[in-house]
């Protein structure tokens, strides 16, 4: 987390949390969802405005975390901006390493990295939902493999790097892996 964010949290400790204004899609793209967008339809059917500013995306990436409920948020100064997830809290890129190349989190010739640029550590298991989407449980949490990286991921699965994929119903994933797809304010 950025030092400026930590300082703002100390200076203004009681800023209310924000819900519904930020979302993460299956490609790892961030979307702003203003009030008219939220009123017009749910995410991801109506995504909102794609965030394209590189420095803003980098700021979000550095300040992206989960609370004790498994609800993911962006710490924007003193305010937590809870976000909606299309599929999972992390969107994973998979790439084959060249012979002799090493990389962060590399396992048997493959590197896995989160949409935030974060090294996700070791892959603990892999999962397939009923739509055929591939998820990896990593040291950093659960992530869906980006569609553009499925060729490399399929090679890793075929080579047994991550073990045999297990089947899981998409609707069961948040409870099983401890995350919240659509956070709402905590009761009480």
Protein backbone atom coordinates (compact mmCIF):
# COMPACT_ATOMS: atom_id res chain seq x y z
CA UNK A 1 0.00 0.00 0.00
CA UNK A 2 1.26 3.48 -0.88
CA UNK A 3 2.60 5.65 1.97
CA UNK A 4 0.32 8.50 0.91
CA UNK A 5 -2.67 6.18 1.29
CA UNK A 6 -1.55 5.09 4.77
CA UNK A 7 -1.15 8.74 5.79
CA UNK A 8 -4.64 9.62 4.51
CA UNK A 9 -6.13 6.70 6.46
CA UNK A 10 -4.54 8.03 9.67
CA UNK A 11 -5.64 11.60 8.99
CA UNK A 12 -9.26 10.69 8.11
CA UNK A 13 -10.06 7.37 9.86
CA UNK A 14 -13.86 7.47 9.54
CA UNK A 15 -14.49 7.94 5.82
CA UNK A 16 -17.44 5.75 4.72
CA UNK A 17 -16.79 2.85 2.39
CA UNK A 18 -17.95 2.99 -1.22
CA UNK A 19 -19.81 0.15 -2.98
CA UNK A 20 -20.71 -0.56 -6.61
CA UNK A 21 -18.52 2.09 -8.26
CA UNK A 22 -15.62 -0.13 -9.37
CA UNK A 23 -15.55 -3.53 -11.06
CA UNK A 24 -13.00 -6.06 -12.35
CA UNK A 25 -13.84 -8.10 -15.44
CA UNK A 26 -12.58 -11.51 -16.59
CA UNK A 27 -9.78 -9.91 -18.65
CA UNK A 28 -8.34 -7.99 -15.69
CA UNK A 29 -9.77 -4.63 -16.81
CA UNK A 30 -11.13 -2.10 -14.31
CA UNK A 31 -14.45 -0.32 -14.88
CA UNK A 32 -15.95 2.73 -13.23
CA UNK A 33 -19.69 2.39 -12.66
CA UNK A 34 -21.36 5.70 -11.94
CA UNK A 35 -24.92 5.99 -10.60
CA UNK A 36 -26.64 5.96 -14.03
CA UNK A 37 -24.62 2.88 -15.05
CA UNK A 38 -25.49 1.09 -11.80
CA UNK A 39 -29.18 1.97 -12.24
CA UNK A 40 -29.18 0.78 -15.88
CA UNK A 41 -28.04 -2.77 -15.15
CA UNK A 42 -25.83 -5.18 -13.23
CA UNK A 43 -22.16 -5.87 -13.83
CA UNK A 44 -20.92 -7.42 -16.12
CA UNK A 45 -23.96 -7.09 -18.42
CA UNK A 46 -23.41 -3.35 -18.26
CA UNK A 47 -19.75 -2.73 -17.48
CA UNK A 48 -19.40 1.04 -17.31
CA UNK A 49 -16.38 3.13 -18.28
CA UNK A 50 -13.12 1.29 -18.93
CA UNK A 51 -10.22 2.75 -16.94
CA UNK A 52 -7.43 3.35 -19.45
CA UNK A 53 -5.14 5.73 -17.57
CA UNK A 54 -1.95 3.74 -16.85
CA UNK A 55 -0.99 5.64 -13.68
CA UNK A 56 -4.49 5.25 -12.22
CA UNK A 57 -4.45 1.51 -12.97
CA UNK A 58 -1.00 1.20 -11.34
CA UNK A 59 -2.31 3.06 -8.26
CA UNK A 60 -5.29 0.69 -8.03
CA UNK A 61 -3.01 -2.33 -8.41
CA UNK A 62 -0.72 -1.21 -5.58
CA UNK A 63 -3.66 -0.60 -3.25
CA UNK A 64 -5.82 -3.65 -4.07
CA UNK A 65 -6.57 -5.98 -1.15
CA UNK A 66 -9.26 -8.04 0.60
CA UNK A 67 -10.90 -7.53 3.96
CA UNK A 68 -11.63 -10.19 6.58
CA UNK A 69 -14.88 -11.15 4.75
CA UNK A 70 -13.01 -11.80 1.49
CA UNK A 71 -14.50 -8.66 -0.09
CA UNK A 72 -11.92 -7.05 -2.39
CA UNK A 73 -11.40 -3.32 -2.46
CA UNK A 74 -9.18 -0.52 -3.69
CA UNK A 75 -7.90 1.67 -0.86
CA UNK A 76 -8.33 5.15 -2.34
CA UNK A 77 -6.75 7.39 0.25
CA UNK A 78 -8.89 7.08 3.38
CA UNK A 79 -11.78 5.40 1.55
CA UNK A 80 -12.24 1.74 0.70
CA UNK A 81 -13.84 1.33 -2.70
CA UNK A 82 -15.31 -2.19 -2.73
CA UNK A 83 -15.54 -3.72 -6.14
CA UNK A 84 -17.61 -6.20 -8.04
CA UNK A 85 -15.85 -9.21 -9.53
CA UNK A 86 -16.99 -10.77 -12.77
CA UNK A 87 -15.35 -14.10 -11.93
CA UNK A 88 -12.55 -14.09 -9.34
CA UNK A 89 -10.41 -11.64 -7.34
CA UNK A 90 -7.34 -12.23 -9.51
CA UNK A 91 -7.04 -12.49 -13.28
CA UNK A 92 -4.00 -14.56 -14.15
CA UNK A 93 -1.61 -14.41 -17.03
CA UNK A 94 0.27 -17.61 -17.86
CA UNK A 95 3.34 -17.70 -20.05
CA UNK A 96 5.75 -20.39 -21.14
CA UNK A 97 9.33 -19.71 -20.15
CA UNK A 98 12.06 -20.14 -22.70
CA UNK A 99 14.69 -22.82 -22.11
CA UNK A 100 16.99 -21.67 -19.32
CA UNK A 101 14.77 -18.71 -18.40
CA UNK A 102 13.60 -18.34 -14.82
CA UNK A 103 10.81 -16.15 -13.56
CA UNK A 104 8.91 -15.25 -10.43
CA UNK A 105 6.60 -18.10 -9.48
CA UNK A 106 7.99 -20.26 -12.29
CA UNK A 107 7.09 -23.93 -12.14
CA UNK A 108 8.25 -26.49 -14.71
CA UNK A 109 8.55 -23.93 -17.48
CA UNK A 110 5.51 -21.72 -16.76
CA UNK A 111 5.12 -18.36 -15.04
CA UNK A 112 1.85 -17.13 -13.51
CA UNK A 113 1.26 -13.48 -12.71
CA UNK A 114 -1.79 -11.54 -11.50
CA UNK A 115 -3.40 -8.71 -13.47
CA UNK A 116 -1.86 -6.37 -10.88
CA UNK A 117 1.66 -7.47 -11.85
CA UNK A 118 1.92 -9.30 -8.52
CA UNK A 119 3.81 -12.57 -8.28
CA UNK A 120 1.19 -15.05 -7.10
CA UNK A 121 3.64 -17.63 -5.76
CA UNK A 122 3.08 -21.34 -6.18
CA UNK A 123 -0.02 -22.76 -7.82
CA UNK A 124 -1.66 -25.05 -5.26
CA UNK A 125 -4.45 -26.51 -7.42
CA UNK A 126 -6.42 -25.95 -10.60
CA UNK A 127 -10.17 -25.92 -11.15
CA UNK A 128 -12.65 -25.94 -14.03
CA UNK A 129 -16.16 -24.51 -13.81
CA UNK A 130 -19.15 -25.64 -15.87
CA UNK A 131 -18.29 -23.06 -18.57
CA UNK A 132 -14.81 -24.55 -19.02
CA UNK A 133 -13.06 -21.58 -17.41
CA UNK A 134 -9.75 -22.46 -15.73
CA UNK A 135 -8.98 -21.16 -12.23
CA UNK A 136 -5.76 -21.50 -10.28
CA UNK A 137 -5.57 -21.44 -6.51
CA UNK A 138 -2.29 -19.70 -5.75
CA UNK A 139 -0.51 -18.48 -2.65
CA UNK A 140 -2.01 -15.04 -3.40
CA UNK A 141 -5.56 -16.38 -3.79
CA UNK A 142 -7.89 -17.64 -6.49
CA UNK A 143 -7.59 -16.35 -10.02
CA UNK A 144 -9.16 -17.06 -13.38
CA UNK A 145 -6.77 -17.60 -16.29
CA UNK A 146 -7.18 -14.95 -18.98
CA UNK A 147 -8.68 -16.33 -22.17
CA UNK A 148 -5.68 -15.05 -24.19
CA UNK A 149 -3.35 -17.25 -22.08
CA UNK A 150 -5.30 -20.49 -22.36
CA UNK A 151 -2.87 -22.02 -24.87
CA UNK A 152 0.01 -21.80 -22.39
CA UNK A 153 -2.26 -22.84 -19.50
CA UNK A 154 -3.53 -25.86 -21.47
CA UNK A 155 0.09 -26.94 -22.03
CA UNK A 156 0.78 -26.60 -18.29
CA UNK A 157 -2.33 -28.66 -17.46
CA UNK A 158 -1.42 -31.31 -20.04
CA UNK A 159 2.09 -31.58 -18.60
CA UNK A 160 0.68 -32.06 -15.09
CA UNK A 161 2.43 -29.00 -13.62
CA UNK A 162 -0.59 -28.04 -11.50
CA UNK A 163 -2.13 -31.47 -11.01
CA UNK A 164 -5.40 -32.72 -12.44
CA UNK A 165 -8.06 -29.99 -12.79
CA UNK A 166 -10.95 -30.44 -10.36
CA UNK A 167 -14.52 -29.55 -11.26
CA UNK A 168 -16.36 -26.87 -9.32
CA UNK A 169 -19.66 -25.09 -9.87
CA UNK A 170 -19.17 -21.37 -10.49
CA UNK A 171 -21.87 -20.54 -7.93
CA UNK A 172 -19.95 -22.48 -5.24
CA UNK A 173 -16.60 -20.77 -5.79
CA UNK A 174 -16.97 -17.71 -3.51
CA UNK A 175 -17.85 -19.83 -0.46
CA UNK A 176 -15.27 -22.50 -1.25
CA UNK A 177 -12.41 -20.06 -1.85
CA UNK A 178 -13.41 -17.30 0.58
CA UNK A 179 -14.20 -14.29 -1.57
CA UNK A 180 -17.20 -12.04 -2.20
CA UNK A 181 -18.16 -11.25 -5.80
CA UNK A 182 -20.60 -8.43 -5.01
CA UNK A 183 -19.81 -6.85 -1.64
CA UNK A 184 -22.45 -4.95 0.30
CA UNK A 185 -22.01 -2.98 3.51
CA UNK A 186 -21.49 -5.17 6.58
CA UNK A 187 -24.55 -5.43 8.82
CA UNK A 188 -24.55 -3.65 12.09
